Each structure stands twice: as C-alpha cells, then as structure tokens.
Amino acid sequence: MDNYYPSGRSNVLKFPHDPGEEDTEMQVKCTECNSKAIISSRNELDPKVADLYCICRNPHCGHSFVMKLTYSHTLSPSSFQARRMATDIFRGLPKSEQLELLQQLQASA
C-alpha cells in the first residue's frame, strides 16, 4: 500500500511509519460502530484525491465502506515552491520595479 498521510481527520487512528520501521496498517474508525477499520486498498482519482476502501475489524459489525482522502491546504510551503513563487511574483512586477529590485539585490550581495 502506498504511504499517504491524511490531514486533520478525526477518524484517523494510526499513520504509516517511516521506511525501515516496523510495518503497520493505516487505520480509520468504522462509520457504523466506531471500531478500528483497516484500509484494504486505495484508488487514486487525482494526485490530491483518493478513495480508501475500508473494512471494519469488529467481527460483529463487518461493515465495508469507502472514504475519500483529499488534500485540504498548505500549512507551510514546500521549499520546492519558494523559487517558483518568487519567480512568479518577480515576473508580475513592472519592468522598472524588476530592475530596481535587481539593483537592490546586487547591492546587498
């Protein structure tokens, strides 16, 4: 199963461990009996959306269900995004402000 980390969902009980650590299953709560349920598989619909196919571990319940895992929002931008964001902002400035900013950067270097 792929490693993925849903954010802030109250039904999430356990996250996958880092590579090299003991393997564990990611678990959620059953929507019917509130017992632990395991994610048996996942269907990625988009890089930020997946269907999680779940099975309740309570033998008296046995509920199987599908939950959606979705990306919500960024708390701290990735360092990969910083350069792209700076470039986009720079390109959005008028040419005169771009030149002024370049001169300020050269003076401080």
PDB file of N, CA and C in Angstrom:
ATOM      1  N   MET A   1       0.851  -1.184   0.000  1.00  0.00           N
ATOM      2  CA  MET A   1       0.000   0.000   0.000  1.00  0.00           C
ATOM      3  C   MET A   1       0.889   1.236   0.000  1.00  0.00           C
ATOM      4  N   ASP A   2       0.516   2.250  -0.770  1.00  0.00           N
ATOM      5  CA  ASP A   2       1.283   3.483  -0.830  1.00  0.00           C
ATOM      6  C   ASP A   2       1.227   4.196   0.512  1.00  0.00           C
ATOM      7  N   ASN A   3       2.299   4.920   0.849  1.00  0.00           N
ATOM      8  CA  ASN A   3       2.269   5.751   2.046  1.00  0.00           C
ATOM      9  C   ASN A   3       1.572   7.059   1.713  1.00  0.00           C
ATOM     10  N   TYR A   4       0.654   7.478   2.526  1.00  0.00           N
ATOM     11  CA  TYR A   4      -0.020   8.750   2.385  1.00  0.00           C
ATOM     12  C   TYR A   4      -0.480   9.177   3.758  1.00  0.00           C
ATOM     13  N   TYR A   5      -0.576  10.453   3.948  1.00  0.00           N
ATOM     14  CA  TYR A   5      -0.848  10.997   5.260  1.00  0.00           C
ATOM     15  C   TYR A   5      -2.040  11.936   5.208  1.00  0.00           C
ATOM     16  N   PRO A   6      -3.229  11.489   5.553  1.00  0.00           N
ATOM     17  CA  PRO A   6      -4.368  12.402   5.578  1.00  0.00           C
ATOM     18  C   PRO A   6      -4.188  13.418   6.693  1.00  0.00           C
ATOM     19  N   SER A   7      -4.718  14.596   6.488  1.00  0.00           N
ATOM     20  CA  SER A   7      -4.503  15.655   7.471  1.00  0.00           C
ATOM     21  C   SER A   7      -5.761  15.946   8.268  1.00  0.00           C
ATOM     22  N   GLY A   8      -5.588  16.058   9.579  1.00  0.00           N
ATOM     23  CA  GLY A   8      -6.616  16.579  10.458  1.00  0.00           C
ATOM     24  C   GLY A   8      -7.934  15.833  10.498  1.00  0.00           C
ATOM     25  N   ARG A   9      -8.015  14.600  10.074  1.00  0.00           N
ATOM     26  CA  ARG A   9      -9.279  13.872  10.076  1.00  0.00           C
ATOM     27  C   ARG A   9      -9.422  13.149  11.389  1.00  0.00           C
ATOM     28  N   SER A  10     -10.535  13.353  12.076  1.00  0.00           N
ATOM     29  CA  SER A  10     -10.728  12.744  13.387  1.00  0.00           C
ATOM     30  C   SER A  10     -10.879  11.232  13.316  1.00  0.00           C
ATOM     31  N   ASN A  11     -11.166  10.685  12.140  1.00  0.00           N
ATOM     32  CA  ASN A  11     -11.328   9.238  12.031  1.00  0.00           C
ATOM     33  C   ASN A  11     -10.002   8.507  11.853  1.00  0.00           C
ATOM     34  N   VAL A  12      -8.903   9.229  11.712  1.00  0.00           N
ATOM     35  CA  VAL A  12      -7.611   8.591  11.513  1.00  0.00           C
ATOM     36  C   VAL A  12      -7.028   8.198  12.860  1.00  0.00           C
ATOM     37  N   LEU A  13      -6.672   6.929  12.998  1.00  0.00           N
ATOM     38  CA  LEU A  13      -6.141   6.425  14.248  1.00  0.00           C
ATOM     39  C   LEU A  13      -4.635   6.220  14.215  1.00  0.00           C
ATOM     40  N   LYS A  14      -4.108   5.804  13.094  1.00  0.00           N
ATOM     41  CA  LYS A  14      -2.701   5.462  13.029  1.00  0.00           C
ATOM     42  C   LYS A  14      -2.148   5.802  11.656  1.00  0.00           C
ATOM     43  N   PHE A  15      -0.920   6.291  11.616  1.00  0.00           N
ATOM     44  CA  PHE A  15      -0.273   6.626  10.361  1.00  0.00           C
ATOM     45  C   PHE A  15       0.784   5.590  10.039  1.00  0.00           C
ATOM     46  N   PRO A  16       1.124   5.428   8.758  1.00  0.00           N
ATOM     47  CA  PRO A  16       2.220   4.537   8.408  1.00  0.00           C
ATOM     48  C   PRO A  16       3.520   5.062   9.010  1.00  0.00           C
ATOM     49  N   HIS A  17       4.409   4.163   9.364  1.00  0.00           N
ATOM     50  CA  HIS A  17       5.697   4.563   9.898  1.00  0.00           C
ATOM     51  C   HIS A  17       6.654   4.893   8.762  1.00  0.00           C
ATOM     52  N   ASP A  18       7.781   5.486   9.121  1.00  0.00           N
ATOM     53  CA  ASP A  18       8.812   5.793   8.144  1.00  0.00           C
ATOM     54  C   ASP A  18       9.379   4.498   7.563  1.00  0.00           C
ATOM     55  N   PRO A  19       9.914   4.560   6.362  1.00  0.00           N
ATOM     56  CA  PRO A  19      10.521   3.359   5.771  1.00  0.00           C
ATOM     57  C   PRO A  19      11.594   2.796   6.698  1.00  0.00           C
ATOM     58  N   GLY A  20      11.645   1.486   6.780  1.00  0.00           N
ATOM     59  CA  GLY A  20      12.626   0.832   7.634  1.00  0.00           C
ATOM     60  C   GLY A  20      12.095   0.497   9.017  1.00  0.00           C
ATOM     61  N   GLU A  21      11.026   1.156   9.438  1.00  0.00           N
ATOM     62  CA  GLU A  21      10.418   0.840  10.726  1.00  0.00           C
ATOM     63  C   GLU A  21       9.443  -0.312  10.535  1.00  0.00           C
ATOM     64  N   GLU A  22       8.979  -0.860  11.640  1.00  0.00           N
ATOM     65  CA  GLU A  22       8.042  -1.968  11.580  1.00  0.00           C
ATOM     66  C   GLU A  22       6.807  -1.574  10.773  1.00  0.00           C
ATOM     67  N   ASP A  23       6.395  -2.457   9.858  1.00  0.00           N
ATOM     68  CA  ASP A  23       5.231  -2.173   9.025  1.00  0.00           C
ATOM     69  C   ASP A  23       3.960  -2.212   9.860  1.00  0.00           C
ATOM     70  N   THR A  24       3.105  -1.222   9.663  1.00  0.00           N
ATOM     71  CA  THR A  24       1.797  -1.192  10.314  1.00  0.00           C
ATOM     72  C   THR A  24       0.781  -0.757   9.277  1.00  0.00           C
ATOM     73  N   GLU A  25      -0.464  -1.081   9.530  1.00  0.00           N
ATOM     74  CA  GLU A  25      -1.529  -0.664   8.633  1.00  0.00           C
ATOM     75  C   GLU A  25      -2.065   0.678   9.084  1.00  0.00           C
ATOM     76  N   MET A  26      -2.460   1.480   8.126  1.00  0.00           N
ATOM     77  CA  MET A  26      -3.139   2.715   8.459  1.00  0.00           C
ATOM     78  C   MET A  26      -4.574   2.354   8.807  1.00  0.00           C
ATOM     79  N   GLN A  27      -5.094   2.939   9.861  1.00  0.00           N
ATOM     80  CA  GLN A  27      -6.429   2.578  10.304  1.00  0.00           C
ATOM     81  C   GLN A  27      -7.314   3.809  10.448  1.00  0.00           C
ATOM     82  N   VAL A  28      -8.593   3.596  10.274  1.00  0.00           N
ATOM     83  CA  VAL A  28      -9.613   4.619  10.474  1.00  0.00           C
ATOM     84  C   VAL A  28     -10.693   4.021  11.359  1.00  0.00           C
ATOM     85  N   LYS A  29     -11.627   4.844  11.795  1.00  0.00           N
ATOM     86  CA  LYS A  29     -12.759   4.356  12.586  1.00  0.00           C
ATOM     87  C   LYS A  29     -13.904   3.974  11.672  1.00  0.00           C
ATOM     88  N   CYS A  30     -14.562   2.881  12.011  1.00  0.00           N
ATOM     89  CA  CYS A  30     -15.751   2.454  11.281  1.00  0.00           C
ATOM     90  C   CYS A  30     -16.835   3.505  11.459  1.00  0.00           C
ATOM     91  N   THR A  31     -17.509   3.828  10.396  1.00  0.00           N
ATOM     92  CA  THR A  31     -18.568   4.842  10.458  1.00  0.00           C
ATOM     93  C   THR A  31     -19.846   4.316  11.104  1.00  0.00           C
ATOM     94  N   GLU A  32     -19.937   2.996  11.293  1.00  0.00           N
ATOM     95  CA  GLU A  32     -21.130   2.402  11.902  1.00  0.00           C
ATOM     96  C   GLU A  32     -20.955   2.126  13.393  1.00  0.00           C
ATOM     97  N   CYS A  33     -19.847   1.462  13.777  1.00  0.00           N
ATOM     98  CA  CYS A  33     -19.690   1.048  15.177  1.00  0.00           C
ATOM     99  C   CYS A  33     -18.530   1.740  15.888  1.00  0.00           C
ATOM    100  N   ASN A  34     -17.782   2.568  15.181  1.00  0.00           N
ATOM    101  CA  ASN A  34     -16.676   3.335  15.749  1.00  0.00           C
ATOM    102  C   ASN A  34     -15.471   2.468  16.134  1.00  0.00           C
ATOM    103  N   SER A  35     -15.447   1.211  15.718  1.00  0.00           N
ATOM    104  CA  SER A  35     -14.292   0.340  15.948  1.00  0.00           C
ATOM    105  C   SER A  35     -13.218   0.648  14.920  1.00  0.00           C
ATOM    106  N   LYS A  36     -12.051   0.058  15.123  1.00  0.00           N
ATOM    107  CA  LYS A  36     -10.981   0.235  14.148  1.00  0.00           C
ATOM    108  C   LYS A  36     -11.357  -0.448  12.839  1.00  0.00           C
ATOM    109  N   ALA A  37     -11.017   0.218  11.754  1.00  0.00           N
ATOM    110  CA  ALA A  37     -11.204  -0.353  10.416  1.00  0.00           C
ATOM    111  C   ALA A  37      -9.870  -0.222   9.696  1.00  0.00           C
ATOM    112  N   ILE A  38      -9.577  -1.137   8.818  1.00  0.00           N
ATOM    113  CA  ILE A  38      -8.340  -1.054   8.051  1.00  0.00           C
ATOM    114  C   ILE A  38      -8.643  -0.609   6.635  1.00  0.00           C
ATOM    115  N   ILE A  39      -7.657   0.007   6.019  1.00  0.00           N
ATOM    116  CA  ILE A  39      -7.761   0.404   4.620  1.00  0.00           C
ATOM    117  C   ILE A  39      -7.201  -0.748   3.809  1.00  0.00           C
ATOM    118  N   SER A  40      -8.056  -1.412   3.064  1.00  0.00           N
ATOM    119  CA  SER A  40      -7.625  -2.582   2.303  1.00  0.00           C
ATOM    120  C   SER A  40      -7.003  -2.192   0.967  1.00  0.00           C
ATOM    121  N   SER A  41      -7.463  -1.087   0.388  1.00  0.00           N
ATOM    122  CA  SER A  41      -6.893  -0.612  -0.872  1.00  0.00           C
ATOM    123  C   SER A  41      -7.266   0.846  -1.074  1.00  0.00           C
ATOM    124  N   ARG A  42      -6.672   1.405  -2.107  1.00  0.00           N
ATOM    125  CA  ARG A  42      -6.953   2.811  -2.410  1.00  0.00           C
ATOM    126  C   ARG A  42      -6.995   2.992  -3.909  1.00  0.00           C
ATOM    127  N   ASN A  43      -7.876   3.881  -4.367  1.00  0.00           N
ATOM    128  CA  ASN A  43      -7.997   4.207  -5.782  1.00  0.00           C
ATOM    129  C   ASN A  43      -7.718   5.690  -5.926  1.00  0.00           C
ATOM    130  N   GLU A  44      -6.549   6.022  -6.487  1.00  0.00           N
ATOM    131  CA  GLU A  44      -6.185   7.425  -6.653  1.00  0.00           C
ATOM    132  C   GLU A  44      -6.959   8.013  -7.817  1.00  0.00           C
ATOM    133  N   LEU A  45      -7.792   9.007  -7.537  1.00  0.00           N
ATOM    134  CA  LEU A  45      -8.602   9.661  -8.553  1.00  0.00           C
ATOM    135  C   LEU A  45      -7.875  10.853  -9.157  1.00  0.00           C
ATOM    136  N   ASP A  46      -6.954  11.410  -8.382  1.00  0.00           N
ATOM    137  CA  ASP A  46      -6.211  12.615  -8.721  1.00  0.00           C
ATOM    138  C   ASP A  46      -5.015  12.623  -7.776  1.00  0.00           C
ATOM    139  N   PRO A  47      -3.941  13.359  -8.054  1.00  0.00           N
ATOM    140  CA  PRO A  47      -2.828  13.378  -7.099  1.00  0.00           C
ATOM    141  C   PRO A  47      -3.224  13.859  -5.697  1.00  0.00           C
ATOM    142  N   LYS A  48      -4.352  14.540  -5.589  1.00  0.00           N
ATOM    143  CA  LYS A  48      -4.769  15.064  -4.284  1.00  0.00           C
ATOM    144  C   LYS A  48      -6.086  14.476  -3.785  1.00  0.00           C
ATOM    145  N   VAL A  49      -6.608  13.447  -4.466  1.00  0.00           N
ATOM    146  CA  VAL A  49      -7.874  12.825  -4.071  1.00  0.00           C
ATOM    147  C   VAL A  49      -7.787  11.316  -4.281  1.00  0.00           C
ATOM    148  N   ALA A  50      -8.220  10.553  -3.266  1.00  0.00           N
ATOM    149  CA  ALA A  50      -8.235   9.096  -3.398  1.00  0.00           C
ATOM    150  C   ALA A  50      -9.450   8.527  -2.674  1.00  0.00           C
ATOM    151  N   ASP A  51      -9.962   7.419  -3.189  1.00  0.00           N
ATOM    152  CA  ASP A  51     -10.978   6.632  -2.483  1.00  0.00           C
ATOM    153  C   ASP A  51     -10.242   5.579  -1.668  1.00  0.00           C
ATOM    154  N   LEU A  52     -10.560   5.481  -0.374  1.00  0.00           N
ATOM    155  CA  LEU A  52      -9.968   4.481   0.508  1.00  0.00           C
ATOM    156  C   LEU A  52     -11.021   3.415   0.776  1.00  0.00           C
ATOM    157  N   TYR A  53     -10.716   2.181   0.425  1.00  0.00           N
ATOM    158  CA  TYR A  53     -11.645   1.070   0.637  1.00  0.00           C
ATOM    159  C   TYR A  53     -11.335   0.460   2.004  1.00  0.00           C
ATOM    160  N   CYS A  54     -12.314   0.504   2.912  1.00  0.00           N
ATOM    161  CA  CYS A  54     -12.109   0.165   4.317  1.00  0.00           C
ATOM    162  C   CYS A  54     -12.977  -1.013   4.742  1.00  0.00           C
ATOM    163  N   ILE A  55     -12.466  -1.756   5.736  1.00  0.00           N
ATOM    164  CA  ILE A  55     -13.190  -2.896   6.302  1.00  0.00           C
ATOM    165  C   ILE A  55     -13.102  -2.811   7.820  1.00  0.00           C
ATOM    166  N   CYS A  56     -14.253  -2.871   8.480  1.00  0.00           N
ATOM    167  CA  CYS A  56     -14.301  -2.832   9.942  1.00  0.00           C
ATOM    168  C   CYS A  56     -13.687  -4.106  10.508  1.00  0.00           C
ATOM    169  N   ARG A  57     -12.869  -3.957  11.559  1.00  0.00           N
ATOM    170  CA  ARG A  57     -12.221  -5.123  12.171  1.00  0.00           C
ATOM    171  C   ARG A  57     -13.084  -5.760  13.249  1.00  0.00           C
ATOM    172  N   ASN A  58     -14.199  -5.134  13.583  1.00  0.00           N
ATOM    173  CA  ASN A  58     -15.121  -5.697  14.574  1.00  0.00           C
ATOM    174  C   ASN A  58     -15.893  -6.830  13.900  1.00  0.00           C
ATOM    175  N   PRO A  59     -15.708  -8.086  14.351  1.00  0.00           N
ATOM    176  CA  PRO A  59     -16.368  -9.217  13.686  1.00  0.00           C
ATOM    177  C   PRO A  59     -17.890  -9.169  13.795  1.00  0.00           C
ATOM    178  N   HIS A  60     -18.413  -8.443  14.763  1.00  0.00           N
ATOM    179  CA  HIS A  60     -19.866  -8.332  14.920  1.00  0.00           C
ATOM    180  C   HIS A  60     -20.453  -7.278  13.984  1.00  0.00           C
ATOM    181  N   CYS A  61     -19.597  -6.447  13.427  1.00  0.00           N
ATOM    182  CA  CYS A  61     -20.057  -5.388  12.520  1.00  0.00           C
ATOM    183  C   CYS A  61     -19.791  -5.791  11.063  1.00  0.00           C
ATOM    184  N   GLY A  62     -18.507  -5.906  10.705  1.00  0.00           N
ATOM    185  CA  GLY A  62     -18.144  -6.325   9.353  1.00  0.00           C
ATOM    186  C   GLY A  62     -18.442  -5.318   8.256  1.00  0.00           C
ATOM    187  N   HIS A  63     -18.706  -4.083   8.622  1.00  0.00           N
ATOM    188  CA  HIS A  63     -19.039  -3.040   7.649  1.00  0.00           C
ATOM    189  C   HIS A  63     -17.860  -2.793   6.711  1.00  0.00           C
ATOM    190  N   SER A  64     -18.115  -2.717   5.425  1.00  0.00           N
ATOM    191  CA  SER A  64     -17.095  -2.276   4.466  1.00  0.00           C
ATOM    192  C   SER A  64     -17.614  -0.988   3.832  1.00  0.00           C
ATOM    193  N   PHE A  65     -16.708  -0.067   3.615  1.00  0.00           N
ATOM    194  CA  PHE A  65     -17.120   1.265   3.161  1.00  0.00           C
ATOM    195  C   PHE A  65     -15.966   1.948   2.440  1.00  0.00           C
ATOM    196  N   VAL A  66     -16.293   3.037   1.764  1.00  0.00           N
ATOM    197  CA  VAL A  66     -15.298   3.828   1.044  1.00  0.00           C
ATOM    198  C   VAL A  66     -15.266   5.222   1.656  1.00  0.00           C
ATOM    199  N   MET A  67     -14.068   5.694   1.946  1.00  0.00           N
ATOM    200  CA  MET A  67     -13.876   7.062   2.449  1.00  0.00           C
ATOM    201  C   MET A  67     -13.055   7.818   1.421  1.00  0.00           C
ATOM    202  N   LYS A  68     -13.227   9.127   1.377  1.00  0.00           N
ATOM    203  CA  LYS A  68     -12.431   9.979   0.494  1.00  0.00           C
ATOM    204  C   LYS A  68     -11.271  10.561   1.285  1.00  0.00           C
ATOM    205  N   LEU A  69     -10.096  10.505   0.696  1.00  0.00           N
ATOM    206  CA  LEU A  69      -8.918  11.166   1.232  1.00  0.00           C
ATOM    207  C   LEU A  69      -8.643  12.336   0.302  1.00  0.00           C
ATOM    208  N   THR A  70      -8.681  13.558   0.836  1.00  0.00           N
ATOM    209  CA  THR A  70      -8.449  14.729  -0.007  1.00  0.00           C
ATOM    210  C   THR A  70      -7.429  15.653   0.620  1.00  0.00           C
ATOM    211  N   TYR A  71      -6.688  16.309  -0.221  1.00  0.00           N
ATOM    212  CA  TYR A  71      -5.763  17.354   0.196  1.00  0.00           C
ATOM    213  C   TYR A  71      -6.605  18.562   0.585  1.00  0.00           C
ATOM    214  N   SER A  72      -6.255  19.215   1.674  1.00  0.00           N
ATOM    215  CA  SER A  72      -7.010  20.372   2.115  1.00  0.00           C
ATOM    216  C   SER A  72      -6.278  21.675   1.799  1.00  0.00           C
ATOM    217  N   HIS A  73      -5.159  21.921   2.446  1.00  0.00           N
ATOM    218  CA  HIS A  73      -4.435  23.169   2.221  1.00  0.00           C
ATOM    219  C   HIS A  73      -3.015  23.062   2.772  1.00  0.00           C
ATOM    220  N   THR A  74      -2.184  23.992   2.387  1.00  0.00           N
ATOM    221  CA  THR A  74      -0.787  24.028   2.807  1.00  0.00           C
ATOM    222  C   THR A  74      -0.655  24.810   4.099  1.00  0.00           C
ATOM    223  N   LEU A  75       0.103  24.267   5.034  1.00  0.00           N
ATOM    224  CA  LEU A  75       0.406  24.981   6.268  1.00  0.00           C
ATOM    225  C   LEU A  75       1.730  25.729   6.142  1.00  0.00           C
ATOM    226  N   SER A  76       2.671  25.134   5.468  1.00  0.00           N
ATOM    227  CA  SER A  76       3.975  25.748   5.231  1.00  0.00           C
ATOM    228  C   SER A  76       4.403  25.331   3.834  1.00  0.00           C
ATOM    229  N   PRO A  77       4.690  26.289   2.957  1.00  0.00           N
ATOM    230  CA  PRO A  77       5.004  25.913   1.581  1.00  0.00           C
ATOM    231  C   PRO A  77       6.270  25.076   1.498  1.00  0.00           C
ATOM    232  N   SER A  78       6.287  24.183   0.563  1.00  0.00           N
ATOM    233  CA  SER A  78       7.454  23.354   0.282  1.00  0.00           C
ATOM    234  C   SER A  78       8.584  24.239  -0.213  1.00  0.00           C
ATOM    235  N   SER A  79       9.812  23.857   0.081  1.00  0.00           N
ATOM    236  CA  SER A  79      10.949  24.624  -0.425  1.00  0.00           C
ATOM    237  C   SER A  79      10.997  24.561  -1.952  1.00  0.00           C
ATOM    238  N   PHE A  80      10.375  23.542  -2.530  1.00  0.00           N
ATOM    239  CA  PHE A  80      10.298  23.463  -3.982  1.00  0.00           C
ATOM    240  C   PHE A  80       9.418  24.576  -4.554  1.00  0.00           C
ATOM    241  N   GLN A  81       8.436  25.032  -3.777  1.00  0.00           N
ATOM    242  CA  GLN A  81       7.521  26.063  -4.246  1.00  0.00           C
ATOM    243  C   GLN A  81       8.092  27.467  -4.114  1.00  0.00           C
ATOM    244  N   ALA A  82       9.018  27.683  -3.185  1.00  0.00           N
ATOM    245  CA  ALA A  82       9.512  29.027  -2.876  1.00  0.00           C
ATOM    246  C   ALA A  82      10.114  29.711  -4.108  1.00  0.00           C
ATOM    247  N   ARG A  83      10.971  29.004  -4.831  1.00  0.00           N
ATOM    248  CA  ARG A  83      11.618  29.599  -6.010  1.00  0.00           C
ATOM    249  C   ARG A  83      10.576  29.946  -7.079  1.00  0.00           C
ATOM    250  N   ARG A  84       9.633  29.029  -7.300  1.00  0.00           N
ATOM    251  CA  ARG A  84       8.590  29.267  -8.309  1.00  0.00           C
ATOM    252  C   ARG A  84       7.722  30.461  -7.920  1.00  0.00           C
ATOM    253  N   MET A  85       7.374  30.555  -6.626  1.00  0.00           N
ATOM    254  CA  MET A  85       6.546  31.677  -6.173  1.00  0.00           C
ATOM    255  C   MET A  85       7.301  32.997  -6.336  1.00  0.00           C
ATOM    256  N   ALA A  86       8.584  33.018  -5.962  1.00  0.00           N
ATOM    257  CA  ALA A  86       9.383  34.245  -6.092  1.00  0.00           C
ATOM    258  C   ALA A  86       9.495  34.661  -7.556  1.00  0.00           C
ATOM    259  N   THR A  87       9.710  33.686  -8.430  1.00  0.00           N
ATOM    260  CA  THR A  87       9.818  33.976  -9.866  1.00  0.00           C
ATOM    261  C   THR A  87       8.503  34.528 -10.405  1.00  0.00           C
ATOM    262  N   ASP A  88       7.391  33.934 -10.018  1.00  0.00           N
ATOM    263  CA  ASP A  88       6.079  34.407 -10.469  1.00  0.00           C
ATOM    264  C   ASP A  88       5.805  35.834  -9.989  1.00  0.00           C
ATOM    265  N   ILE A  89       6.141  36.114  -8.741  1.00  0.00           N
ATOM    266  CA  ILE A  89       5.939  37.473  -8.202  1.00  0.00           C
ATOM    267  C   ILE A  89       6.823  38.464  -8.958  1.00  0.00           C
ATOM    268  N   PHE A  90       8.095  38.080  -9.157  1.00  0.00           N
ATOM    269  CA  PHE A  90       9.041  38.958  -9.861  1.00  0.00           C
ATOM    270  C   PHE A  90       8.538  39.271 -11.262  1.00  0.00           C
ATOM    271  N   ARG A  91       8.086  38.238 -11.975  1.00  0.00           N
ATOM    272  CA  ARG A  91       7.614  38.441 -13.352  1.00  0.00           C
ATOM    273  C   ARG A  91       6.343  39.278 -13.408  1.00  0.00           C
ATOM    274  N   GLY A  92       5.590  39.320 -12.323  1.00  0.00           N
ATOM    275  CA  GLY A  92       4.366  40.108 -12.278  1.00  0.00           C
ATOM    276  C   GLY A  92       4.613  41.591 -12.022  1.00  0.00           C
ATOM    277  N   LEU A  93       5.842  41.932 -11.653  1.00  0.00           N
ATOM    278  CA  LEU A  93       6.175  43.337 -11.400  1.00  0.00           C
ATOM    279  C   LEU A  93       6.424  44.070 -12.708  1.00  0.00           C
ATOM    280  N   PRO A  94       6.174  45.377 -12.740  1.00  0.00           N
ATOM    281  CA  PRO A  94       6.542  46.164 -13.922  1.00  0.00           C
ATOM    282  C   PRO A  94       8.069  46.122 -14.117  1.00  0.00           C
ATOM    283  N   LYS A  95       8.521  46.279 -15.363  1.00  0.00           N
ATOM    284  CA  LYS A  95       9.952  46.209 -15.682  1.00  0.00           C
ATOM    285  C   LYS A  95      10.784  47.148 -14.813  1.00  0.00           C
ATOM    286  N   SER A  96      10.275  48.347 -14.565  1.00  0.00           N
ATOM    287  CA  SER A  96      11.039  49.316 -13.766  1.00  0.00           C
ATOM    288  C   SER A  96      11.254  48.796 -12.341  1.00  0.00           C
ATOM    289  N   GLU A  97      10.246  48.148 -11.757  1.00  0.00           N
ATOM    290  CA  GLU A  97      10.386  47.599 -10.411  1.00  0.00           C
ATOM    291  C   GLU A  97      11.287  46.367 -10.408  1.00  0.00           C
ATOM    292  N   GLN A  98      11.268  45.584 -11.500  1.00  0.00           N
ATOM    293  CA  GLN A  98      12.165  44.438 -11.613  1.00  0.00           C
ATOM    294  C   GLN A  98      13.615  44.905 -11.597  1.00  0.00           C
ATOM    295  N   LEU A  99      13.905  45.961 -12.382  1.00  0.00           N
ATOM    296  CA  LEU A  99      15.271  46.495 -12.431  1.00  0.00           C
ATOM    297  C   LEU A  99      15.695  47.041 -11.076  1.00  0.00           C
ATOM    298  N   GLU A 100      14.794  47.757 -10.417  1.00  0.00           N
ATOM    299  CA  GLU A 100      15.094  48.319  -9.085  1.00  0.00           C
ATOM    300  C   GLU A 100      15.394  47.189  -8.086  1.00  0.00           C
ATOM    301  N   LEU A 101      14.618  46.138  -8.130  1.00  0.00           N
ATOM    302  CA  LEU A 101      14.824  45.007  -7.225  1.00  0.00           C
ATOM    303  C   LEU A 101      16.153  44.312  -7.515  1.00  0.00           C
ATOM    304  N   LEU A 102      16.485  44.144  -8.800  1.00  0.00           N
ATOM    305  CA  LEU A 102      17.768  43.541  -9.164  1.00  0.00           C
ATOM    306  C   LEU A 102      18.937  44.373  -8.662  1.00  0.00           C
ATOM    307  N   GLN A 103      18.823  45.701  -8.776  1.00  0.00           N
ATOM    308  CA  GLN A 103      19.880  46.591  -8.291  1.00  0.00           C
ATOM    309  C   GLN A 103      20.031  46.469  -6.770  1.00  0.00           C
ATOM    310  N   GLN A 104      18.904  46.362  -6.047  1.00  0.00           N
ATOM    311  CA  GLN A 104      18.953  46.212  -4.592  1.00  0.00           C
ATOM    312  C   GLN A 104      19.614  44.885  -4.213  1.00  0.00           C
ATOM    313  N   LEU A 105      19.312  43.819  -4.957  1.00  0.00           N
ATOM    314  CA  LEU A 105      19.914  42.519  -4.685  1.00  0.00           C
ATOM    315  C   LEU A 105      21.412  42.517  -4.941  1.00  0.00           C
ATOM    316  N   GLN A 106      21.826  43.182  -6.014  1.00  0.00           N
ATOM    317  CA  GLN A 106      23.249  43.262  -6.329  1.00  0.00           C
ATOM    318  C   GLN A 106      23.997  44.088  -5.286  1.00  0.00           C
ATOM    319  N   ALA A 107      23.363  45.143  -4.792  1.00  0.00           N
ATOM    320  CA  ALA A 107      23.995  45.991  -3.786  1.00  0.00           C
ATOM    321  C   ALA A 107      24.158  45.267  -2.451  1.00  0.00           C
ATOM    322  N   SER A 108      23.232  44.361  -2.142  1.00  0.00           N
ATOM    323  CA  SER A 108      23.303  43.659  -0.843  1.00  0.00           C
ATOM    324  C   SER A 108      24.165  42.414  -0.909  1.00  0.00           C
ATOM    325  N   ALA A 109      24.576  42.000  -2.114  1.00  0.00           N
ATOM    326  CA  ALA A 109      25.376  40.758  -2.245  1.00  0.00           C
ATOM    327  C   ALA A 109      26.834  40.957  -1.974  1.00  0.00           C
TER     328      ALA A 109
END
